[in-house]
Structures are given as structure tokens and as C-alpha cells.
Amino acid sequence: MKIRCGVVAVIGKPNAGKSSLINAIIEEKVSIVSPKPQTTRNNILGIYNSKDSQIVFIDTPGINRAESGLDNYMQKSIKGAVSDVNCLCLVHDITKEFSFQEERIINEYFDKKIPVILVLSKIDLVSVERVANVLQGFIGLSSKCEIVPISSLKHKNIDTLINVIQKFLPEIEEEGRLFDREYYTDKSTRFIVAEIVREKALYLLNDEIPHGVAVVVENFCEEENIVNIDAVLYCEKQSHKAIILGKNGEMLKKIGHNARVTIQKVLQKKVMLNIFVKVKANWKNNLEILNSLGYNIDEI
């Protein structure tokens, strides 16, 4: 039996809706999401499987200006993600103005003969008339890319987007799938758990703190009916540690509670979660620390 199979890079500006889109397609929690920019730091594979296709999505960090070692890692990882793909999905938040940078990406990959799909996200936030007007404005680009308006939240046009992607993928034999059908991501359970803890911190902490936060799972002990997890939440300053802990430890309790609820849904088991807060000053510019936290700088 023949199937369509290939790799698709998902790129776009911070908060464009890349991770939400992949989670909606895979229907599993592959990437964390939050209203703050630069939520995704690593290239994360989300694997879509159906009877007649397998699509490997690479969720990338938001396209942004590099200001630290961590920022450089994220921007290099984007370039690595798009170096060998069958198709590129450029996600654009329809509530924002289309930028010259985004148009340049379409032109660049059109010239390289790499198919580009311009995914207009968050159409649930605007009127039908607004969507129609935006599509009209993109007529000039329609010869260089496919354009698909979607809502990840409402799961609108997700199937349409999958159908468009499939036509750009090569046909292979069923046994040639890149991953076994039961896989939906390439990341370990420890990685996903750490990212969930970081996601909850992003939602609850003040704006100046989240970019200086990293999470490492130091202990993951899975038994038949329960999983015991010890995680360390690293920040850059003692003053940040005090805010993360909160008065009488209330903020850390909220982060832990919200993370535990989500982790239990993912693992489908009871979870005992302990989170410890430690300070690692200027960790975003320390290559040794970045590598120890899972940002494998030497591999980019």
C-alpha cells in the first residue's frame, strides 16, 4: 500500500500559533503554548499518522533577533529545521500585520523550489469579512504559495491544511514510514514533563522572569499506578527566585498544581510532583549550562 510521507517545518513569528497548530493536528500535547513570545526553544517533532499518510512536523522557535546564547541556539535551530524538508508551513497571526520578513521567507523558498503554505492562524478572533479581505490582499502571493486560513482552537480547516500538505509529500510504501505509527513525538517523557512545568510558569509569572526560566527533570520514577517526579526550576536571580516561590510558597504551589493536572492527563496516571527552585546566574549565555539543560548547542 502506498502512503504519503514526509517532513514539514512549521515556522513563523513568536506567538503566531505554531505550537497550537501542531497540537491541534496531532491531537496530543507535543509543544507547550503560552501568550508570551519565545515559548518554544527546541525543534520538536510532532508526528501525524493516518491510514494513508505520515507527516512529521517540526515545531520551531519563533523567528526573532538573537540577543543571547539561548537566542542564537533557537535561531540556528530554525535554519536546521528548514534545511531538508518537503514542505514549509509559514504561520501568520491573522490579527497582525503581514511583515516584509514573512514575505521574504515566501520568496526565498519559492526560489529554492520548496513548497510553502501560508497558514493564516487565529481566524476565530476575527470576522468572516476580515478573513476575506486578508485573503484578497494575498492574491499577489498566491502564485508562490498555498494559503490556508485556520483556527487551531476551533479545529477549523485543519483537515483542509492536512490535505494541502499531503499533495507535496512523496508517495512511499507503507513499511517506509519514518516512525512507527504509535509515535506522536520524538521527545522523551522527561522532556515533555519539563516543558509542561515551564509552560505553567510562563502563564503565572511576571513578564521579566519567564525568559530566564528553565526546567530539568532530575527524577522520574514510574510505578504501576503512580509517577514520582522531581523537577528543578532554574532562574537567573535571587530576586526572581523569591517571586517564583511567592508569599509562603503560594506561587510555586500554583505552578506545581497546574503542571501536575496536565502531566496526569498526558501520562494517564496519578502524579506526585516536587518542584525545587534554584538560581543559575546568566545561564542563557553559558554554553556548559545550556547543554546541561538540554539545549544541545554543539549539535546545531
C-alpha atoms as a PDB file:
ATOM      1  CA  MET A   1       0.000   0.000   0.000  1.00  0.00           C
ATOM      2  CA  LYS A   2       1.250   3.453  -0.918  1.00  0.00           C
ATOM      3  CA  ILE A   3       1.141   6.349   1.557  1.00  0.00           C
ATOM      4  CA  ARG A   4       2.207   9.998   1.526  1.00  0.00           C
ATOM      5  CA  CYS A   5       5.118  10.582   3.896  1.00  0.00           C
ATOM      6  CA  GLY A   6       7.444  13.493   4.550  1.00  0.00           C
ATOM      7  CA  VAL A   7       8.749  16.272   6.779  1.00  0.00           C
ATOM      8  CA  VAL A   8       7.193  19.702   7.235  1.00  0.00           C
ATOM      9  CA  ALA A   9       8.837  22.620   9.055  1.00  0.00           C
ATOM     10  CA  VAL A  10       6.481  24.989  10.865  1.00  0.00           C
ATOM     11  CA  ILE A  11       7.956  28.455  11.213  1.00  0.00           C
ATOM     12  CA  GLY A  12       6.689  31.933  11.981  1.00  0.00           C
ATOM     13  CA  LYS A  13       6.963  34.858  14.353  1.00  0.00           C
ATOM     14  CA  PRO A  14       6.633  34.451  18.130  1.00  0.00           C
ATOM     15  CA  ASN A  15       3.021  33.828  19.209  1.00  0.00           C
ATOM     16  CA  ALA A  16       1.875  33.165  15.638  1.00  0.00           C
ATOM     17  CA  GLY A  17       0.237  29.908  16.748  1.00  0.00           C
ATOM     18  CA  LYS A  18       2.782  27.329  15.580  1.00  0.00           C
ATOM     19  CA  SER A  19       2.683  25.088  18.631  1.00  0.00           C
ATOM     20  CA  SER A  20      -1.101  25.317  18.929  1.00  0.00           C
ATOM     21  CA  LEU A  21      -1.406  24.263  15.291  1.00  0.00           C
ATOM     22  CA  ILE A  22       0.782  21.187  15.742  1.00  0.00           C
ATOM     23  CA  ASN A  23      -1.035  20.187  18.931  1.00  0.00           C
ATOM     24  CA  ALA A  24      -4.347  20.510  17.063  1.00  0.00           C
ATOM     25  CA  ILE A  25      -3.116  18.356  14.171  1.00  0.00           C
ATOM     26  CA  ILE A  26      -1.513  15.671  16.340  1.00  0.00           C
ATOM     27  CA  GLU A  27      -4.290  15.864  18.959  1.00  0.00           C
ATOM     28  CA  GLU A  28      -1.680  15.305  21.662  1.00  0.00           C
ATOM     29  CA  LYS A  29       0.325  17.713  23.802  1.00  0.00           C
ATOM     30  CA  VAL A  30       3.508  17.918  21.755  1.00  0.00           C
ATOM     31  CA  SER A  31       4.503  21.554  22.337  1.00  0.00           C
ATOM     32  CA  ILE A  32       3.783  23.957  25.153  1.00  0.00           C
ATOM     33  CA  VAL A  33       1.866  27.135  24.447  1.00  0.00           C
ATOM     34  CA  SER A  34       1.535  30.436  26.263  1.00  0.00           C
ATOM     35  CA  PRO A  35       0.683  34.059  25.440  1.00  0.00           C
ATOM     36  CA  LYS A  36       4.342  35.034  25.884  1.00  0.00           C
ATOM     37  CA  PRO A  37       6.834  35.066  22.970  1.00  0.00           C
ATOM     38  CA  GLN A  38       9.659  32.525  22.559  1.00  0.00           C
ATOM     39  CA  THR A  39       7.742  29.788  24.391  1.00  0.00           C
ATOM     40  CA  THR A  40       9.219  27.082  22.141  1.00  0.00           C
ATOM     41  CA  ARG A  41      13.012  26.811  22.484  1.00  0.00           C
ATOM     42  CA  ASN A  42      13.787  23.486  20.803  1.00  0.00           C
ATOM     43  CA  ASN A  43      12.829  21.959  17.479  1.00  0.00           C
ATOM     44  CA  ILE A  44      10.130  19.489  18.463  1.00  0.00           C
ATOM     45  CA  LEU A  45       8.784  16.762  16.209  1.00  0.00           C
ATOM     46  CA  GLY A  46       5.051  16.154  16.115  1.00  0.00           C
ATOM     47  CA  ILE A  47       4.116  13.055  14.140  1.00  0.00           C
ATOM     48  CA  TYR A  48       0.751  12.843  12.397  1.00  0.00           C
ATOM     49  CA  ASN A  49      -0.355   9.360  11.396  1.00  0.00           C
ATOM     50  CA  SER A  50      -3.328   8.336   9.310  1.00  0.00           C
ATOM     51  CA  LYS A  51      -4.211   5.337   7.171  1.00  0.00           C
ATOM     52  CA  ASP A  52      -2.753   6.924   4.042  1.00  0.00           C
ATOM     53  CA  SER A  53      -0.069   9.301   5.365  1.00  0.00           C
ATOM     54  CA  GLN A  54       2.578  10.145   7.920  1.00  0.00           C
ATOM     55  CA  ILE A  55       3.558  13.792   8.336  1.00  0.00           C
ATOM     56  CA  VAL A  56       6.483  14.726  10.579  1.00  0.00           C
ATOM     57  CA  PHE A  57       6.043  18.316  11.750  1.00  0.00           C
ATOM     58  CA  ILE A  58       8.994  20.257  13.137  1.00  0.00           C
ATOM     59  CA  ASP A  59       7.809  22.892  15.605  1.00  0.00           C
ATOM     60  CA  THR A  60      10.426  25.653  15.709  1.00  0.00           C
ATOM     61  CA  PRO A  61      11.118  28.655  17.950  1.00  0.00           C
ATOM     62  CA  GLY A  62       9.691  31.996  16.847  1.00  0.00           C
ATOM     63  CA  ILE A  63      11.670  33.979  14.281  1.00  0.00           C
ATOM     64  CA  ASN A  64      13.335  36.711  16.305  1.00  0.00           C
ATOM     65  CA  ARG A  65      16.521  38.716  16.760  1.00  0.00           C
ATOM     66  CA  ALA A  66      19.251  36.813  18.654  1.00  0.00           C
ATOM     67  CA  GLU A  67      20.401  38.546  21.845  1.00  0.00           C
ATOM     68  CA  SER A  68      21.830  35.721  23.971  1.00  0.00           C
ATOM     69  CA  GLY A  69      23.382  32.286  23.635  1.00  0.00           C
ATOM     70  CA  LEU A  70      19.921  30.757  24.036  1.00  0.00           C
ATOM     71  CA  ASP A  71      18.511  33.079  21.345  1.00  0.00           C
ATOM     72  CA  ASN A  72      21.323  32.090  18.971  1.00  0.00           C
ATOM     73  CA  TYR A  73      20.562  28.425  19.628  1.00  0.00           C
ATOM     74  CA  MET A  74      16.884  28.958  18.805  1.00  0.00           C
ATOM     75  CA  GLN A  75      17.567  30.835  15.571  1.00  0.00           C
ATOM     76  CA  LYS A  76      20.149  28.270  14.395  1.00  0.00           C
ATOM     77  CA  SER A  77      17.663  25.504  15.136  1.00  0.00           C
ATOM     78  CA  ILE A  78      15.158  27.160  12.782  1.00  0.00           C
ATOM     79  CA  LYS A  79      17.712  27.123   9.949  1.00  0.00           C
ATOM     80  CA  GLY A  80      18.442  23.478  10.674  1.00  0.00           C
ATOM     81  CA  ALA A  81      14.752  22.605  10.596  1.00  0.00           C
ATOM     82  CA  VAL A  82      14.126  24.035   7.118  1.00  0.00           C
ATOM     83  CA  SER A  83      17.305  22.672   5.537  1.00  0.00           C
ATOM     84  CA  ASP A  84      15.838  19.357   4.411  1.00  0.00           C
ATOM     85  CA  VAL A  85      12.044  19.372   4.307  1.00  0.00           C
ATOM     86  CA  ASN A  86       9.352  18.511   1.776  1.00  0.00           C
ATOM     87  CA  CYS A  87       7.227  21.500   2.640  1.00  0.00           C
ATOM     88  CA  LEU A  88       7.229  24.643   4.770  1.00  0.00           C
ATOM     89  CA  CYS A  89       4.276  25.997   6.751  1.00  0.00           C
ATOM     90  CA  LEU A  90       4.671  29.707   7.499  1.00  0.00           C
ATOM     91  CA  VAL A  91       2.185  30.527  10.262  1.00  0.00           C
ATOM     92  CA  HIS A  92       0.930  34.109  10.344  1.00  0.00           C
ATOM     93  CA  ASP A  93      -1.374  35.507  13.029  1.00  0.00           C
ATOM     94  CA  ILE A  94      -4.251  36.999  11.029  1.00  0.00           C
ATOM     95  CA  THR A  95      -4.811  39.663  13.697  1.00  0.00           C
ATOM     96  CA  LYS A  96      -1.336  41.106  12.974  1.00  0.00           C
ATOM     97  CA  GLU A  97       0.124  42.958  10.005  1.00  0.00           C
ATOM     98  CA  PHE A  98       1.978  40.836   7.456  1.00  0.00           C
ATOM     99  CA  SER A  99       5.666  41.748   7.561  1.00  0.00           C
ATOM    100  CA  PHE A 100       8.369  42.170   4.954  1.00  0.00           C
ATOM    101  CA  GLN A 101      10.310  39.434   6.767  1.00  0.00           C
ATOM    102  CA  GLU A 102       7.470  36.949   6.230  1.00  0.00           C
ATOM    103  CA  GLU A 103       7.115  37.871   2.556  1.00  0.00           C
ATOM    104  CA  ARG A 104      10.866  37.466   2.113  1.00  0.00           C
ATOM    105  CA  ILE A 105      10.660  33.918   3.510  1.00  0.00           C
ATOM    106  CA  ILE A 106       7.990  33.005   0.936  1.00  0.00           C
ATOM    107  CA  ASN A 107      10.063  34.438  -1.900  1.00  0.00           C
ATOM    108  CA  GLU A 108      13.250  32.765  -0.658  1.00  0.00           C
ATOM    109  CA  TYR A 109      11.765  29.266  -0.510  1.00  0.00           C
ATOM    110  CA  PHE A 110       9.809  29.741  -3.718  1.00  0.00           C
ATOM    111  CA  ASP A 111      13.155  30.439  -5.407  1.00  0.00           C
ATOM    112  CA  LYS A 112      14.559  27.264  -3.777  1.00  0.00           C
ATOM    113  CA  LYS A 113      11.568  25.323  -5.147  1.00  0.00           C
ATOM    114  CA  ILE A 114      10.475  24.309  -1.630  1.00  0.00           C
ATOM    115  CA  PRO A 115       6.656  24.392  -1.396  1.00  0.00           C
ATOM    116  CA  VAL A 116       5.354  26.960   1.074  1.00  0.00           C
ATOM    117  CA  ILE A 117       1.929  27.043   2.694  1.00  0.00           C
ATOM    118  CA  LEU A 118       0.954  30.360   4.257  1.00  0.00           C
ATOM    119  CA  VAL A 119      -1.184  29.363   7.257  1.00  0.00           C
ATOM    120  CA  LEU A 120      -3.371  32.217   8.486  1.00  0.00           C
ATOM    121  CA  SER A 121      -3.981  31.360  12.119  1.00  0.00           C
ATOM    122  CA  LYS A 122      -6.498  32.539  14.737  1.00  0.00           C
ATOM    123  CA  ILE A 123      -9.375  33.201  12.331  1.00  0.00           C
ATOM    124  CA  ASP A 124     -11.726  32.598  15.252  1.00  0.00           C
ATOM    125  CA  LEU A 125     -10.625  36.006  16.580  1.00  0.00           C
ATOM    126  CA  VAL A 126     -11.750  37.993  13.532  1.00  0.00           C
ATOM    127  CA  SER A 127     -14.855  38.367  11.394  1.00  0.00           C
ATOM    128  CA  VAL A 128     -15.546  36.459   8.184  1.00  0.00           C
ATOM    129  CA  GLU A 129     -15.223  39.765   6.343  1.00  0.00           C
ATOM    130  CA  ARG A 130     -11.752  40.309   7.824  1.00  0.00           C
ATOM    131  CA  VAL A 131     -10.641  36.852   6.637  1.00  0.00           C
ATOM    132  CA  ALA A 132     -11.993  37.559   3.142  1.00  0.00           C
ATOM    133  CA  ASN A 133     -10.209  40.921   2.982  1.00  0.00           C
ATOM    134  CA  VAL A 134      -6.898  39.410   4.109  1.00  0.00           C
ATOM    135  CA  LEU A 135      -7.170  36.635   1.513  1.00  0.00           C
ATOM    136  CA  GLN A 136      -7.889  39.255  -1.147  1.00  0.00           C
ATOM    137  CA  GLY A 137      -4.746  41.102  -0.106  1.00  0.00           C
ATOM    138  CA  PHE A 138      -2.656  37.984  -0.612  1.00  0.00           C
ATOM    139  CA  ILE A 139      -3.692  37.403  -4.229  1.00  0.00           C
ATOM    140  CA  GLY A 140      -0.243  38.564  -5.349  1.00  0.00           C
ATOM    141  CA  LEU A 141       1.404  35.785  -3.328  1.00  0.00           C
ATOM    142  CA  SER A 142      -0.981  33.023  -4.373  1.00  0.00           C
ATOM    143  CA  SER A 143       1.221  32.059  -7.318  1.00  0.00           C
ATOM    144  CA  LYS A 144       4.120  31.389  -4.923  1.00  0.00           C
ATOM    145  CA  CYS A 145       2.364  29.615  -2.064  1.00  0.00           C
ATOM    146  CA  GLU A 146      -0.825  27.927  -0.961  1.00  0.00           C
ATOM    147  CA  ILE A 147      -2.880  29.947   1.536  1.00  0.00           C
ATOM    148  CA  VAL A 148      -4.999  28.242   4.198  1.00  0.00           C
ATOM    149  CA  PRO A 149      -6.879  30.123   6.954  1.00  0.00           C
ATOM    150  CA  ILE A 150      -7.268  28.028  10.120  1.00  0.00           C
ATOM    151  CA  SER A 151      -8.312  28.083  13.757  1.00  0.00           C
ATOM    152  CA  SER A 152      -6.424  25.675  16.000  1.00  0.00           C
ATOM    153  CA  LEU A 153      -8.722  26.462  18.923  1.00  0.00           C
ATOM    154  CA  LYS A 154     -11.893  25.674  16.959  1.00  0.00           C
ATOM    155  CA  HIS A 155     -10.177  22.994  14.841  1.00  0.00           C
ATOM    156  CA  LYS A 156     -11.376  24.832  11.728  1.00  0.00           C
ATOM    157  CA  ASN A 157      -9.825  23.930   8.351  1.00  0.00           C
ATOM    158  CA  ILE A 158      -7.249  21.634   9.997  1.00  0.00           C
ATOM    159  CA  ASP A 159      -8.293  18.772   7.708  1.00  0.00           C
ATOM    160  CA  THR A 160      -8.041  21.117   4.721  1.00  0.00           C
ATOM    161  CA  LEU A 161      -4.494  22.039   5.707  1.00  0.00           C
ATOM    162  CA  ILE A 162      -3.523  18.366   6.055  1.00  0.00           C
ATOM    163  CA  ASN A 163      -4.893  17.645   2.572  1.00  0.00           C
ATOM    164  CA  VAL A 164      -2.875  20.528   1.104  1.00  0.00           C
ATOM    165  CA  ILE A 165       0.298  19.336   2.843  1.00  0.00           C
ATOM    166  CA  GLN A 166      -0.180  15.757   1.633  1.00  0.00           C
ATOM    167  CA  LYS A 167      -0.053  16.714  -2.023  1.00  0.00           C
ATOM    168  CA  PHE A 168       3.522  17.991  -1.537  1.00  0.00           C
ATOM    169  CA  LEU A 169       4.758  14.757   0.040  1.00  0.00           C
ATOM    170  CA  PRO A 170       6.298  11.832  -1.858  1.00  0.00           C
ATOM    171  CA  GLU A 171       4.491   8.520  -2.197  1.00  0.00           C
ATOM    172  CA  ILE A 172       6.207   5.607  -0.484  1.00  0.00           C
ATOM    173  CA  GLU A 173       5.380   2.072   0.571  1.00  0.00           C
ATOM    174  CA  GLU A 174       3.565   1.682   3.909  1.00  0.00           C
ATOM    175  CA  GLU A 175       6.574  -0.006   5.524  1.00  0.00           C
ATOM    176  CA  GLY A 176       8.703   3.040   4.695  1.00  0.00           C
ATOM    177  CA  ARG A 177       7.131   5.235   7.394  1.00  0.00           C
ATOM    178  CA  LEU A 178       9.752   7.347   9.152  1.00  0.00           C
ATOM    179  CA  PHE A 179       8.363   6.420  12.587  1.00  0.00           C
ATOM    180  CA  ASP A 180       6.234   3.608  13.951  1.00  0.00           C
ATOM    181  CA  ARG A 181       2.548   4.545  13.925  1.00  0.00           C
ATOM    182  CA  GLU A 182       2.257   4.689  17.729  1.00  0.00           C
ATOM    183  CA  TYR A 183       4.772   7.554  17.990  1.00  0.00           C
ATOM    184  CA  TYR A 184       3.447  11.123  18.085  1.00  0.00           C
ATOM    185  CA  THR A 185       6.695  12.903  19.069  1.00  0.00           C
ATOM    186  CA  ASP A 186      10.435  12.259  19.156  1.00  0.00           C
ATOM    187  CA  LYS A 187      10.828  13.833  22.584  1.00  0.00           C
ATOM    188  CA  SER A 188      11.201  11.827  25.782  1.00  0.00           C
ATOM    189  CA  THR A 189       8.578  11.837  28.517  1.00  0.00           C
ATOM    190  CA  ARG A 190      11.052  13.664  30.761  1.00  0.00           C
ATOM    191  CA  PHE A 191      11.381  16.436  28.163  1.00  0.00           C
ATOM    192  CA  ILE A 192       7.608  16.797  27.826  1.00  0.00           C
ATOM    193  CA  VAL A 193       7.145  16.908  31.610  1.00  0.00           C
ATOM    194  CA  ALA A 194       9.835  19.585  31.963  1.00  0.00           C
ATOM    195  CA  GLU A 195       8.199  21.641  29.225  1.00  0.00           C
ATOM    196  CA  ILE A 196       4.784  21.382  30.905  1.00  0.00           C
ATOM    197  CA  VAL A 197       6.237  22.736  34.152  1.00  0.00           C
ATOM    198  CA  ARG A 198       7.829  25.592  32.199  1.00  0.00           C
ATOM    199  CA  GLU A 199       4.523  26.259  30.418  1.00  0.00           C
ATOM    200  CA  LYS A 200       2.696  26.726  33.721  1.00  0.00           C
ATOM    201  CA  ALA A 201       5.443  29.052  34.948  1.00  0.00           C
ATOM    202  CA  LEU A 202       5.104  31.121  31.770  1.00  0.00           C
ATOM    203  CA  TYR A 203       1.396  31.626  32.433  1.00  0.00           C
ATOM    204  CA  LEU A 204       1.740  32.621  36.068  1.00  0.00           C
ATOM    205  CA  LEU A 205       4.983  34.595  36.370  1.00  0.00           C
ATOM    206  CA  ASN A 206       5.662  38.243  35.579  1.00  0.00           C
ATOM    207  CA  ASP A 207       6.897  39.149  32.107  1.00  0.00           C
ATOM    208  CA  GLU A 208      10.539  39.735  33.063  1.00  0.00           C
ATOM    209  CA  ILE A 209      11.015  36.286  34.583  1.00  0.00           C
ATOM    210  CA  PRO A 210       9.918  33.553  32.119  1.00  0.00           C
ATOM    211  CA  HIS A 211      12.745  34.049  29.623  1.00  0.00           C
ATOM    212  CA  GLY A 212      15.184  33.362  32.452  1.00  0.00           C
ATOM    213  CA  VAL A 213      13.462  30.111  33.413  1.00  0.00           C
ATOM    214  CA  ALA A 214      14.492  26.567  32.531  1.00  0.00           C
ATOM    215  CA  VAL A 215      13.257  23.246  33.923  1.00  0.00           C
ATOM    216  CA  VAL A 216      15.113  19.964  34.327  1.00  0.00           C
ATOM    217  CA  VAL A 217      13.507  16.711  35.488  1.00  0.00           C
ATOM    218  CA  GLU A 218      16.056  15.145  37.837  1.00  0.00           C
ATOM    219  CA  ASN A 219      13.995  12.149  38.931  1.00  0.00           C
ATOM    220  CA  PHE A 220      11.281  10.267  37.041  1.00  0.00           C
ATOM    221  CA  CYS A 221      10.142   7.080  38.729  1.00  0.00           C
ATOM    222  CA  GLU A 222       7.160   5.378  37.109  1.00  0.00           C
ATOM    223  CA  GLU A 223       5.302   2.684  39.022  1.00  0.00           C
ATOM    224  CA  GLU A 224       2.137   0.811  38.076  1.00  0.00           C
ATOM    225  CA  ASN A 225      -0.349   3.430  39.300  1.00  0.00           C
ATOM    226  CA  ILE A 226       1.753   6.483  40.113  1.00  0.00           C
ATOM    227  CA  VAL A 227       4.653   8.534  38.758  1.00  0.00           C
ATOM    228  CA  ASN A 228       7.018  10.323  41.159  1.00  0.00           C
ATOM    229  CA  ILE A 229       8.743  13.325  39.600  1.00  0.00           C
ATOM    230  CA  ASP A 230      11.358  15.722  40.966  1.00  0.00           C
ATOM    231  CA  ALA A 231      11.944  18.806  38.811  1.00  0.00           C
ATOM    232  CA  VAL A 232      14.261  21.783  39.240  1.00  0.00           C
ATOM    233  CA  LEU A 233      13.118  25.187  38.010  1.00  0.00           C
ATOM    234  CA  TYR A 234      16.183  27.330  37.320  1.00  0.00           C
ATOM    235  CA  CYS A 235      16.095  31.134  37.290  1.00  0.00           C
ATOM    236  CA  GLU A 236      18.795  33.771  36.882  1.00  0.00           C
ATOM    237  CA  LYS A 237      18.454  35.926  40.019  1.00  0.00           C
ATOM    238  CA  GLN A 238      17.739  35.548  43.735  1.00  0.00           C
ATOM    239  CA  SER A 239      15.034  38.197  43.366  1.00  0.00           C
ATOM    240  CA  HIS A 240      13.377  36.037  40.671  1.00  0.00           C
ATOM    241  CA  LYS A 241      13.540  33.017  42.976  1.00  0.00           C
ATOM    242  CA  ALA A 242      11.595  34.933  45.616  1.00  0.00           C
ATOM    243  CA  ILE A 243       8.893  35.823  43.074  1.00  0.00           C
ATOM    244  CA  ILE A 244       8.683  32.230  41.780  1.00  0.00           C
ATOM    245  CA  LEU A 245       8.262  30.930  45.327  1.00  0.00           C
ATOM    246  CA  GLY A 246       5.732  33.630  46.203  1.00  0.00           C
ATOM    247  CA  LYS A 247       4.470  34.524  49.648  1.00  0.00           C
ATOM    248  CA  ASN A 248       4.530  31.399  51.803  1.00  0.00           C
ATOM    249  CA  GLY A 249       5.364  29.402  48.668  1.00  0.00           C
ATOM    250  CA  GLU A 250       1.934  30.055  47.127  1.00  0.00           C
ATOM    251  CA  MET A 251       3.148  30.825  43.583  1.00  0.00           C
ATOM    252  CA  LEU A 252       5.227  27.658  43.370  1.00  0.00           C
ATOM    253  CA  LYS A 253       2.256  25.677  44.683  1.00  0.00           C
ATOM    254  CA  LYS A 254       0.098  27.084  41.853  1.00  0.00           C
ATOM    255  CA  ILE A 255       2.732  26.217  39.247  1.00  0.00           C
ATOM    256  CA  GLY A 256       3.046  22.728  40.673  1.00  0.00           C
ATOM    257  CA  HIS A 257      -0.696  22.135  40.865  1.00  0.00           C
ATOM    258  CA  ASN A 258      -1.340  23.289  37.285  1.00  0.00           C
ATOM    259  CA  ALA A 259       1.594  21.249  35.977  1.00  0.00           C
ATOM    260  CA  ARG A 260       0.543  18.112  37.843  1.00  0.00           C
ATOM    261  CA  VAL A 261      -3.004  18.266  36.447  1.00  0.00           C
ATOM    262  CA  THR A 262      -1.698  18.476  32.860  1.00  0.00           C
ATOM    263  CA  ILE A 263       1.008  15.835  33.362  1.00  0.00           C
ATOM    264  CA  GLN A 264      -1.586  13.422  34.752  1.00  0.00           C
ATOM    265  CA  LYS A 265      -3.677  13.900  31.605  1.00  0.00           C
ATOM    266  CA  VAL A 266      -0.648  13.219  29.397  1.00  0.00           C
ATOM    267  CA  LEU A 267       0.605  10.199  31.350  1.00  0.00           C
ATOM    268  CA  GLN A 268      -2.867   8.989  32.363  1.00  0.00           C
ATOM    269  CA  LYS A 269      -1.570   8.146  35.827  1.00  0.00           C
ATOM    270  CA  LYS A 270      -1.536   9.771  39.243  1.00  0.00           C
ATOM    271  CA  VAL A 271       1.468  12.082  39.581  1.00  0.00           C
ATOM    272  CA  MET A 272       3.437  13.177  42.641  1.00  0.00           C
ATOM    273  CA  LEU A 273       5.374  16.271  41.550  1.00  0.00           C
ATOM    274  CA  ASN A 274       8.035  18.078  43.562  1.00  0.00           C
ATOM    275  CA  ILE A 275       9.480  21.311  42.133  1.00  0.00           C
ATOM    276  CA  PHE A 276      12.639  22.885  43.533  1.00  0.00           C
ATOM    277  CA  VAL A 277      13.799  26.399  42.613  1.00  0.00           C
ATOM    278  CA  LYS A 278      17.498  27.096  42.071  1.00  0.00           C
ATOM    279  CA  VAL A 279      19.476  30.087  40.797  1.00  0.00           C
ATOM    280  CA  LYS A 280      21.930  29.773  37.882  1.00  0.00           C
ATOM    281  CA  ALA A 281      23.077  33.307  37.107  1.00  0.00           C
ATOM    282  CA  ASN A 282      23.293  34.230  33.404  1.00  0.00           C
ATOM    283  CA  TRP A 283      22.620  30.635  32.320  1.00  0.00           C
ATOM    284  CA  LYS A 284      21.337  31.764  28.903  1.00  0.00           C
ATOM    285  CA  ASN A 285      24.877  32.770  27.872  1.00  0.00           C
ATOM    286  CA  ASN A 286      26.735  29.836  29.439  1.00  0.00           C
ATOM    287  CA  LEU A 287      27.258  27.066  26.873  1.00  0.00           C
ATOM    288  CA  GLU A 288      28.009  24.442  29.523  1.00  0.00           C
ATOM    289  CA  ILE A 289      24.807  25.237  31.390  1.00  0.00           C
ATOM    290  CA  LEU A 290      22.758  25.390  28.169  1.00  0.00           C
ATOM    291  CA  ASN A 291      23.968  21.934  27.186  1.00  0.00           C
ATOM    292  CA  SER A 292      23.245  20.580  30.674  1.00  0.00           C
ATOM    293  CA  LEU A 293      19.689  21.919  30.394  1.00  0.00           C
ATOM    294  CA  GLY A 294      19.066  20.102  27.119  1.00  0.00           C
ATOM    295  CA  TYR A 295      19.830  22.897  24.627  1.00  0.00           C
ATOM    296  CA  ASN A 296      22.445  20.983  22.655  1.00  0.00           C
ATOM    297  CA  ILE A 297      24.395  23.911  21.233  1.00  0.00           C
ATOM    298  CA  ASP A 298      27.165  21.702  19.828  1.00  0.00           C
ATOM    299  CA  GLU A 299      24.658  19.814  17.665  1.00  0.00           C
ATOM    300  CA  ILE A 300      23.368  22.906  15.829  1.00  0.00           C
END
